[in-house]
Structures are given as structure tokens and as C-alpha cells.
Amino acid sequence: MDAAASVDADAAPASHDRLARDRTRRQRRLLLGLAAASFALDTLLLLAFSALGVLAPLRALAYGAAGALSTAFFLALDLSGFSDRQRDPYLTVPSVWLNSTLIVAAASWMPQVGPLLLMLLFIVLAFGALRLSRRDVVAVLAVLAPALALVLLAAGTEFSVPMHTVAERLLTAGWIVSVLARCMLLGLYGAHIRTQLNLRNQQLRQAHAEVHRLATRDDLTGLLNRRSILQCAQTQAAASGALAVALLDIDHFKRINDTLGHPAGDEVLRQFGLVVAREMRVTDRAGRFGGEEFLVLLRGVNDPVTAARIAERLRAAIEQHRWRDIDASLAVTASVGVAVLRPGEPVERAIARADRALYEAKHAGRNRVRVG
């Protein structure tokens, strides 16, 4: 590999990592923006309750300031690059802990709207559920449960929902609707993440399948390559199953290349592979053995007569194919050598016998089958 190719190979993963980091960073900042908007909405609703005399305006503003500080803290970590270096770049665990603590403290400090504030935990935990591990979820609930119990015990009858006037009831309804809407938005975001993950998994499966195809298949014919067809042959032989091998060689292939050119020769190879794949039995396997030579594994065949009959069918199908679609003067035939695997015989030896039989078919005039 030359230096330029090496640089390109190294640059590709780095570029992919950079794109992934940028995508994560954009998603993270979007979530921070939504968190800031959520705190701002809650602060406005609390100020509206203040205007109705339910609680002191200073407490509503203090809650908004605490929410702004929380968002600013995580934004600073993001801008510093700290978040990018963490295993969870979204810092889900500290975010859930900090915001849950803020909400529980606010509910304790403002019991007049305590139940409404505690409803915000649904939003925080819904966000956390997107990325928290099972152990983290258990830990959060284990701390929240006694904390909520303490808040409720300490608040007593002051812990209530504002429902004394029509305005309070309407504002309470608006608060509940806003919480439900934000939970639904998080649900839609989670569905989007699942869709993206499914898409990436599908792309990964397709890429893996393509890598496997490139590693096992011949690019031109689509048949197995030499290494793969030999592995199939060895596997079948090791299983002690009945097996015959047929070596097919295109007659006068060099003449085709010399007279019609290499593109026509490539098309002959491609269509030759198609004919073999179409005519062989479902249980058989075929591969390009090298150049214009092809190897077909005849599974379940343990006698020369049957092997020769199957090979003859392949030979006839090749001869009868519409080669004139490539060139009006073209006629293609193949010589075939066949060998049946003997008990305890290495498959390489059976292929060598088929190769000798193929040579005999060539020597006898080509376009015929011989058994070795």
C-alpha cells in the first residue's frame, strides 16, 4: 500500500468519528435548548400562580434561576469538550440527579404547587429512560422514593394543588397539559432515536453482507471464489458425504479475448457463470476456480455415471446458450472433467483427478465430458 492510500485508510475512520461526534453534539445541544425552554415555561407558569397570590414571586424567579444555572452548567461542560470525552456524552446520570434534586427541593419550598412541581419528574425520568441503564434506574428510584416521602410528610396539608378559583383551576389544567405535551415530545424523540438505530443497524447488516459477499464471491460471475469453493469442498468431504467434483473449462477462451476483446471475454465469463448457476441442482455449489475454469461440487453423488450425466447436462446447456447476443460469430463450448470422491480420499486429490479428466476431454477434441 502506498503512502497516499495509507493516509486515506487512516482518514476514513477519523472522518466517520468526527461526523458521529458532531451529530451527537447537535443532539445534545438541542436537548439543552429544550431543557432551557422547559424551565422557562415552568417559571412563567409559576409567575402566573404568583400573580394569583398562590405563592411569592421571588420563589418562582428563584426556581427559574436554578433551572438556568443547571442548563448553563451542562452547556459549559459541552462547550469545554468534557461531554465528548465521557462514555455517555449526554451526561444522563448527573443530569437526572441534578434536575430531580432541583424539582424535589422546589416542591418542598413551594408546597402550594408541590404536586404540580413533582409532575415534572415524569419529564426528567422520561428523558433518563432513553439512556439510563437498569442499575441507574433502580438507584434513582431508590433515592427518590424516600425523598418524596420526606417532602410529603414535612409539607403536611400545605402540599396541595391550586383549585380555589376558576383562574387557578385553568392554570393548573394548563400546567398539566404542558407536562403531558413535554412527555409526549420526549416519547416522539425516543421513537426517532429507535428509528435511527434501526436504520443504522440495517445499514450495518447490509455492509456486513456486502463485505461477506466481497470476501466469498467472484466479482465478475457472482459465483463463489476459489478459496470459498475449496472450503465448501473440504467441508463436504470432512462430513463423509457423497461428493463428486466437476471441472469446467471454456474452450478456446484465449481466442475469444484475442478476436473480440477482453470486454466480450468478461461478458462470456459472466454469462457462463449464470448458465452454470441456473442449470446446477439446488444442492450443488459452483465457483470460479481460476481464469476460465470453474469447479462444481455435486453433493450426494457417489457414482461416476450420475456425475457424468449431470456434467453432460451442464455442458449441453452451455453449448445451447444464446452466445450470439454477445457477438453474431460467437459460439462457446466447455470441456468437463469429473471425479467422484473416494472413501478417505482428500478432496484435493479428487480435484486433481478431475483436472486430468478435463485434460483428456480437451485432448479428445473439446466440448465433451470425461470421468477420472
Protein backbone atom coordinates (compact mmCIF):
# COMPACT_ATOMS: atom_id res chain seq x y z
CA MET A 1 0.00 0.00 0.00
CA ASP A 2 1.46 3.41 -0.97
CA ALA A 3 1.60 6.40 1.39
CA ALA A 4 -1.44 8.12 -0.12
CA ALA A 5 -3.59 5.00 0.22
CA SER A 6 -2.43 4.59 3.82
CA VAL A 7 -3.37 8.18 4.63
CA ASP A 8 -6.80 7.72 3.05
CA ALA A 9 -7.37 4.49 5.03
CA ASP A 10 -6.46 6.26 8.28
CA ALA A 11 -8.50 9.36 7.43
CA ALA A 12 -11.74 7.45 6.74
CA PRO A 13 -12.33 6.20 10.33
CA ALA A 14 -11.27 9.59 11.74
CA SER A 15 -13.74 11.37 9.47
CA HIS A 16 -16.50 8.96 10.47
CA ASP A 17 -15.75 9.52 14.18
CA ARG A 18 -15.79 13.28 13.70
CA LEU A 19 -19.16 13.16 11.96
CA ALA A 20 -20.57 10.96 14.75
CA ARG A 21 -19.28 13.40 17.40
CA ASP A 22 -20.77 16.36 15.55
CA ARG A 23 -24.12 14.61 15.26
CA THR A 24 -24.12 13.75 18.97
CA ARG A 25 -23.10 17.31 19.87
CA ARG A 26 -26.00 18.75 17.84
CA GLN A 27 -28.48 16.40 19.51
CA ARG A 28 -27.05 17.21 22.94
CA ARG A 29 -27.38 20.96 22.41
CA LEU A 30 -30.89 20.53 21.08
CA LEU A 31 -31.82 18.74 24.30
CA LEU A 32 -30.18 21.50 26.36
CA GLY A 33 -32.21 24.05 24.45
CA LEU A 34 -35.38 22.12 25.14
CA ALA A 35 -34.46 21.88 28.84
CA ALA A 36 -33.94 25.66 28.98
CA ALA A 37 -37.30 26.21 27.26
CA SER A 38 -38.95 23.80 29.71
CA PHE A 39 -37.55 25.65 32.73
CA ALA A 40 -38.64 28.97 31.20
CA LEU A 41 -42.18 27.66 30.65
CA ASP A 42 -42.39 26.38 34.24
CA THR A 43 -41.11 29.71 35.54
CA LEU A 44 -43.76 31.62 33.57
CA LEU A 45 -46.50 29.36 34.91
CA LEU A 46 -45.18 29.79 38.46
CA LEU A 47 -45.17 33.56 37.97
CA ALA A 48 -48.76 33.29 36.80
CA PHE A 49 -49.60 31.47 40.05
CA SER A 50 -47.75 34.26 41.87
CA ALA A 51 -49.96 36.82 40.13
CA LEU A 52 -52.97 34.96 41.54
CA GLY A 53 -51.46 35.15 45.02
CA VAL A 54 -50.73 31.44 45.35
CA LEU A 55 -47.00 31.88 46.07
CA ALA A 56 -44.37 34.61 46.33
CA PRO A 57 -42.90 35.84 43.01
CA LEU A 58 -39.37 35.57 44.42
CA ARG A 59 -39.75 31.80 44.73
CA ALA A 60 -40.86 31.48 41.12
CA LEU A 61 -37.90 33.56 39.98
CA ALA A 62 -35.54 31.53 42.18
CA TYR A 63 -36.77 28.34 40.55
CA GLY A 64 -36.17 29.85 37.10
CA ALA A 65 -32.68 30.97 38.10
CA ALA A 66 -31.84 27.49 39.41
CA GLY A 67 -33.05 25.96 36.13
CA ALA A 68 -30.96 28.44 34.14
CA LEU A 69 -27.87 27.62 36.22
CA SER A 70 -28.44 23.88 35.71
CA THR A 71 -28.70 24.32 31.94
CA ALA A 72 -25.70 26.67 31.86
CA PHE A 73 -23.63 24.14 33.84
CA PHE A 74 -24.21 21.34 31.33
CA LEU A 75 -23.73 23.74 28.40
CA ALA A 76 -20.34 24.74 29.83
CA LEU A 77 -19.35 21.08 30.08
CA ASP A 78 -20.43 20.62 26.48
CA LEU A 79 -18.53 23.66 25.17
CA SER A 80 -15.38 22.64 27.06
CA GLY A 81 -15.34 19.26 25.33
CA PHE A 82 -15.78 17.41 28.63
CA SER A 83 -19.02 15.77 27.46
CA ASP A 84 -17.35 14.39 24.31
CA ARG A 85 -14.79 12.52 26.40
CA GLN A 86 -17.37 10.67 28.50
CA ARG A 87 -18.77 7.21 27.80
CA ASP A 88 -22.23 8.80 27.88
CA PRO A 89 -21.74 12.17 26.15
CA TYR A 90 -25.27 13.21 27.17
CA LEU A 91 -24.28 13.01 30.88
CA THR A 92 -27.65 11.43 31.54
CA VAL A 93 -27.00 10.27 35.09
CA PRO A 94 -25.75 13.60 36.51
CA SER A 95 -28.46 15.45 34.58
CA VAL A 96 -31.22 13.27 36.04
CA TRP A 97 -29.78 13.54 39.56
CA LEU A 98 -29.36 17.34 39.46
CA ASN A 99 -32.75 18.12 37.92
CA SER A 100 -34.59 15.64 40.14
CA THR A 101 -32.99 17.22 43.21
CA LEU A 102 -33.97 20.68 41.97
CA ILE A 103 -37.59 19.64 41.43
CA VAL A 104 -37.95 17.87 44.78
CA ALA A 105 -36.38 20.85 46.58
CA ALA A 106 -38.69 23.27 44.75
CA ALA A 107 -41.73 21.16 45.67
CA SER A 108 -40.65 21.25 49.31
CA TRP A 109 -40.05 25.01 49.15
CA MET A 110 -43.32 25.76 47.30
CA PRO A 111 -45.83 23.24 48.75
CA GLN A 112 -48.72 25.37 47.46
CA VAL A 113 -47.94 23.95 43.97
CA GLY A 114 -45.92 20.93 45.18
CA PRO A 115 -47.88 18.20 43.35
CA LEU A 116 -47.59 20.16 40.09
CA LEU A 117 -43.84 20.54 40.51
CA LEU A 118 -43.45 16.84 41.26
CA MET A 119 -45.17 16.11 37.95
CA LEU A 120 -42.02 17.49 36.30
CA LEU A 121 -40.23 14.35 37.49
CA PHE A 122 -42.12 12.49 34.74
CA ILE A 123 -40.27 14.63 32.18
CA VAL A 124 -36.88 14.16 33.81
CA LEU A 125 -37.31 10.40 34.21
CA ALA A 126 -38.72 10.06 30.70
CA PHE A 127 -35.53 11.69 29.39
CA GLY A 128 -33.42 9.45 31.63
CA ALA A 129 -35.23 6.32 30.47
CA LEU A 130 -33.87 6.91 26.96
CA ARG A 131 -30.31 6.23 28.10
CA LEU A 132 -30.16 5.12 31.74
CA SER A 133 -29.11 1.57 32.49
CA ARG A 134 -31.32 -0.68 34.58
CA ARG A 135 -29.00 -0.23 37.55
CA ASP A 136 -29.15 3.57 37.22
CA VAL A 137 -32.95 3.49 37.11
CA VAL A 138 -33.09 1.41 40.29
CA ALA A 139 -30.63 3.79 42.01
CA VAL A 140 -32.65 6.88 41.04
CA LEU A 141 -35.92 5.37 42.25
CA ALA A 142 -34.28 4.12 45.46
CA VAL A 143 -33.27 7.69 46.36
CA LEU A 144 -36.36 9.45 45.02
CA ALA A 145 -38.85 7.29 46.91
CA PRO A 146 -37.68 8.22 50.45
CA ALA A 147 -37.02 11.84 49.35
CA LEU A 148 -40.61 12.20 48.16
CA ALA A 149 -41.91 10.58 51.32
CA LEU A 150 -39.98 13.09 53.45
CA VAL A 151 -41.27 16.02 51.39
CA LEU A 152 -44.87 14.89 51.75
CA LEU A 153 -44.52 14.23 55.48
CA ALA A 154 -42.91 17.61 56.10
CA ALA A 155 -45.33 19.60 53.94
CA GLY A 156 -48.49 18.30 55.56
CA THR A 157 -51.74 19.93 54.45
CA GLU A 158 -49.93 22.79 52.70
CA PHE A 159 -48.92 20.38 49.95
CA SER A 160 -51.76 20.98 47.51
CA VAL A 161 -52.93 21.82 44.00
CA PRO A 162 -54.30 25.37 43.46
CA MET A 163 -58.02 24.86 42.81
CA HIS A 164 -59.76 27.62 44.79
CA THR A 165 -60.73 29.88 41.89
CA VAL A 166 -61.56 29.41 38.22
CA ALA A 167 -58.29 31.07 37.24
CA GLU A 168 -56.30 28.69 39.47
CA ARG A 169 -58.13 25.69 38.05
CA LEU A 170 -57.49 26.83 34.48
CA LEU A 171 -53.82 27.49 35.23
CA THR A 172 -53.50 24.09 36.90
CA ALA A 173 -55.04 22.49 33.81
CA GLY A 174 -52.54 24.37 31.64
CA TRP A 175 -49.66 23.11 33.79
CA ILE A 176 -50.85 19.50 33.48
CA VAL A 177 -51.29 19.83 29.73
CA SER A 178 -47.79 21.30 29.38
CA VAL A 179 -46.29 18.39 31.32
CA LEU A 180 -48.18 15.84 29.20
CA ALA A 181 -47.11 17.60 26.00
CA ARG A 182 -43.44 17.53 27.03
CA CYS A 183 -43.69 13.85 27.93
CA MET A 184 -45.19 13.16 24.50
CA LEU A 185 -42.41 15.14 22.82
CA LEU A 186 -39.83 13.04 24.65
CA GLY A 187 -41.70 9.93 23.55
CA LEU A 188 -41.55 11.12 19.93
CA TYR A 189 -37.84 11.85 20.37
CA GLY A 190 -37.34 8.34 21.71
CA ALA A 191 -39.23 6.91 18.74
CA HIS A 192 -36.99 8.95 16.44
CA ILE A 193 -33.90 7.55 18.16
CA ARG A 194 -35.22 3.99 17.76
CA THR A 195 -35.92 4.63 14.08
CA GLN A 196 -32.40 5.96 13.58
CA LEU A 197 -30.90 3.00 15.44
CA ASN A 198 -32.94 0.54 13.36
CA LEU A 199 -31.79 2.31 10.19
CA ARG A 200 -28.15 2.17 11.25
CA ASN A 201 -28.48 -1.48 12.23
CA GLN A 202 -29.97 -2.21 8.83
CA GLN A 203 -27.13 -0.34 7.12
CA LEU A 204 -24.63 -2.25 9.26
CA ARG A 205 -26.21 -5.58 8.29
CA GLN A 206 -26.12 -4.58 4.63
CA ALA A 207 -22.48 -3.52 4.92
CA HIS A 208 -21.62 -6.80 6.67
CA ALA A 209 -23.42 -8.76 3.95
CA GLU A 210 -21.53 -6.81 1.28
CA VAL A 211 -18.19 -7.45 3.00
CA HIS A 212 -19.06 -11.16 3.22
CA ARG A 213 -20.05 -11.19 -0.46
CA LEU A 214 -16.82 -9.49 -1.49
CA ALA A 215 -14.82 -11.94 0.62
CA THR A 216 -16.51 -15.07 -0.72
CA ARG A 217 -17.74 -14.24 -4.22
CA ASP A 218 -16.08 -13.70 -7.57
CA ASP A 219 -16.81 -10.13 -8.67
CA LEU A 220 -17.36 -10.93 -12.34
CA THR A 221 -19.51 -14.08 -12.22
CA GLY A 222 -21.12 -13.82 -8.78
CA LEU A 223 -20.14 -17.43 -8.07
CA LEU A 224 -18.01 -18.46 -5.11
CA ASN A 225 -14.34 -17.56 -5.42
CA ARG A 226 -11.57 -20.17 -5.41
CA ARG A 227 -10.97 -20.08 -1.65
CA SER A 228 -14.69 -20.37 -0.82
CA ILE A 229 -15.43 -23.21 -3.23
CA LEU A 230 -12.43 -25.14 -1.89
CA GLN A 231 -13.65 -24.58 1.67
CA CYS A 232 -17.07 -25.93 0.66
CA ALA A 233 -15.43 -28.97 -0.91
CA GLN A 234 -13.33 -29.65 2.19
CA THR A 235 -16.34 -29.24 4.48
CA GLN A 236 -18.38 -31.69 2.45
CA ALA A 237 -15.51 -34.19 2.30
CA ALA A 238 -14.95 -33.93 6.05
CA ALA A 239 -18.63 -34.66 6.61
CA SER A 240 -18.06 -38.01 4.83
CA GLY A 241 -20.93 -37.24 2.50
CA ALA A 242 -21.15 -38.46 -1.07
CA LEU A 243 -19.49 -35.93 -3.37
CA ALA A 244 -18.38 -35.61 -6.96
CA VAL A 245 -16.45 -32.71 -8.46
CA ALA A 246 -16.68 -31.34 -11.99
CA LEU A 247 -14.09 -29.03 -13.52
CA LEU A 248 -15.39 -26.98 -16.47
CA ASP A 249 -13.07 -25.09 -18.80
CA ILE A 250 -14.22 -22.74 -21.58
CA ASP A 251 -12.88 -23.98 -24.90
CA HIS A 252 -10.61 -21.59 -26.84
CA PHE A 253 -11.19 -18.75 -24.40
CA LYS A 254 -7.93 -17.04 -25.34
CA ARG A 255 -9.15 -16.89 -28.93
CA ILE A 256 -12.35 -15.13 -27.75
CA ASN A 257 -10.29 -12.50 -25.94
CA ASP A 258 -7.92 -12.07 -28.89
CA THR A 259 -10.63 -11.73 -31.55
CA LEU A 260 -13.48 -9.99 -29.70
CA GLY A 261 -11.58 -8.20 -26.96
CA HIS A 262 -11.48 -8.50 -23.19
CA PRO A 263 -14.87 -6.84 -22.55
CA ALA A 264 -16.51 -9.56 -24.65
CA GLY A 265 -14.42 -12.15 -22.81
CA ASP A 266 -15.61 -10.80 -19.47
CA GLU A 267 -19.22 -10.99 -20.67
CA VAL A 268 -18.68 -14.61 -21.73
CA LEU A 269 -17.36 -15.41 -18.24
CA ARG A 270 -20.30 -13.61 -16.62
CA GLN A 271 -22.91 -15.43 -18.70
CA PHE A 272 -21.06 -18.72 -18.32
CA GLY A 273 -21.42 -18.34 -14.55
CA LEU A 274 -25.13 -17.55 -14.96
CA VAL A 275 -25.69 -20.70 -17.04
CA VAL A 276 -23.88 -22.88 -14.52
CA ALA A 277 -25.81 -21.34 -11.59
CA ARG A 278 -29.10 -21.80 -13.43
CA GLU A 279 -28.55 -25.38 -14.51
CA MET A 280 -26.92 -26.91 -11.43
CA ARG A 281 -29.07 -28.60 -8.79
CA VAL A 282 -30.20 -26.78 -5.64
CA THR A 283 -27.83 -28.87 -3.52
CA ASP A 284 -24.79 -28.20 -5.70
CA ARG A 285 -22.23 -25.42 -5.31
CA ALA A 286 -20.24 -23.69 -8.03
CA GLY A 287 -17.24 -21.40 -8.01
CA ARG A 288 -14.77 -19.77 -10.34
CA PHE A 289 -11.66 -21.87 -9.88
CA GLY A 290 -9.37 -19.57 -11.82
CA GLY A 291 -9.35 -17.78 -15.17
CA GLU A 292 -11.86 -19.56 -17.43
CA GLU A 293 -12.04 -22.65 -15.21
CA PHE A 294 -14.99 -23.42 -12.94
CA LEU A 295 -15.48 -26.02 -10.20
CA VAL A 296 -18.89 -27.53 -9.44
CA LEU A 297 -19.50 -29.65 -6.33
CA LEU A 298 -22.12 -32.35 -6.93
CA ARG A 299 -23.43 -33.16 -3.48
CA GLY A 300 -24.91 -36.56 -2.78
CA VAL A 301 -23.38 -38.09 -5.92
CA ASN A 302 -21.30 -41.21 -5.30
CA ASP A 303 -21.16 -42.92 -8.67
CA PRO A 304 -19.43 -41.85 -11.91
CA VAL A 305 -22.48 -42.47 -14.14
CA THR A 306 -24.68 -39.99 -12.27
CA ALA A 307 -21.84 -37.48 -12.08
CA ALA A 308 -21.22 -37.75 -15.83
CA ARG A 309 -24.94 -37.33 -16.57
CA ILE A 310 -25.16 -34.11 -14.51
CA ALA A 311 -21.96 -32.79 -16.08
CA GLU A 312 -23.31 -33.58 -19.56
CA ARG A 313 -26.44 -31.55 -18.82
CA LEU A 314 -24.28 -28.59 -17.83
CA ARG A 315 -22.12 -28.97 -20.95
CA ALA A 316 -25.18 -29.09 -23.22
CA ALA A 317 -26.75 -26.02 -21.57
CA ILE A 318 -23.53 -24.09 -22.14
CA GLU A 319 -23.38 -25.10 -25.80
CA GLN A 320 -27.03 -24.15 -26.37
CA HIS A 321 -26.86 -20.76 -24.67
CA ARG A 322 -27.51 -17.65 -26.83
CA TRP A 323 -23.88 -16.58 -27.12
CA ARG A 324 -24.65 -14.73 -30.34
CA ASP A 325 -26.26 -11.99 -28.25
CA ILE A 326 -22.67 -11.02 -27.37
CA ASP A 327 -21.39 -11.35 -30.94
CA ALA A 328 -23.02 -12.85 -34.03
CA SER A 329 -19.97 -15.02 -34.72
CA LEU A 330 -19.63 -16.33 -31.18
CA ALA A 331 -20.12 -19.94 -30.13
CA VAL A 332 -18.99 -21.12 -26.72
CA THR A 333 -18.46 -24.67 -25.51
CA ALA A 334 -16.85 -26.21 -22.45
CA SER A 335 -14.82 -29.30 -21.68
CA VAL A 336 -15.60 -31.07 -18.41
CA GLY A 337 -13.61 -33.38 -16.18
CA VAL A 338 -15.44 -35.31 -13.46
CA ALA A 339 -14.25 -37.31 -10.44
CA VAL A 340 -16.15 -39.00 -7.60
CA LEU A 341 -14.63 -38.63 -4.15
CA ARG A 342 -13.38 -41.99 -2.90
CA PRO A 343 -13.70 -43.06 0.76
CA GLY A 344 -10.95 -41.41 2.81
CA GLU A 345 -9.59 -39.54 -0.20
CA PRO A 346 -8.57 -35.88 0.26
CA VAL A 347 -10.76 -33.62 -1.82
CA GLU A 348 -7.66 -32.08 -3.44
CA ARG A 349 -6.82 -35.49 -4.91
CA ALA A 350 -10.33 -35.85 -6.37
CA ILE A 351 -9.99 -32.38 -7.94
CA ALA A 352 -6.61 -33.41 -9.36
CA ARG A 353 -8.26 -36.48 -10.97
CA ALA A 354 -10.99 -34.24 -12.38
CA ASP A 355 -8.29 -31.97 -13.78
CA ARG A 356 -6.63 -34.91 -15.54
CA ALA A 357 -10.03 -35.95 -16.93
CA LEU A 358 -10.52 -32.37 -18.14
CA TYR A 359 -7.19 -32.55 -19.96
CA GLU A 360 -8.34 -35.80 -21.60
CA ALA A 361 -11.57 -34.09 -22.73
CA LYS A 362 -9.52 -31.27 -24.26
CA HIS A 363 -7.15 -33.73 -25.94
CA ALA A 364 -10.10 -35.74 -27.32
CA GLY A 365 -11.46 -32.69 -29.20
CA ARG A 366 -13.08 -30.47 -26.52
CA ASN A 367 -16.80 -29.90 -25.80
CA ARG A 368 -17.18 -33.22 -24.03
CA VAL A 369 -17.21 -34.88 -20.60
CA ARG A 370 -14.62 -37.28 -19.27
CA VAL A 371 -14.58 -39.12 -15.94
CA GLY A 372 -11.37 -39.53 -13.95
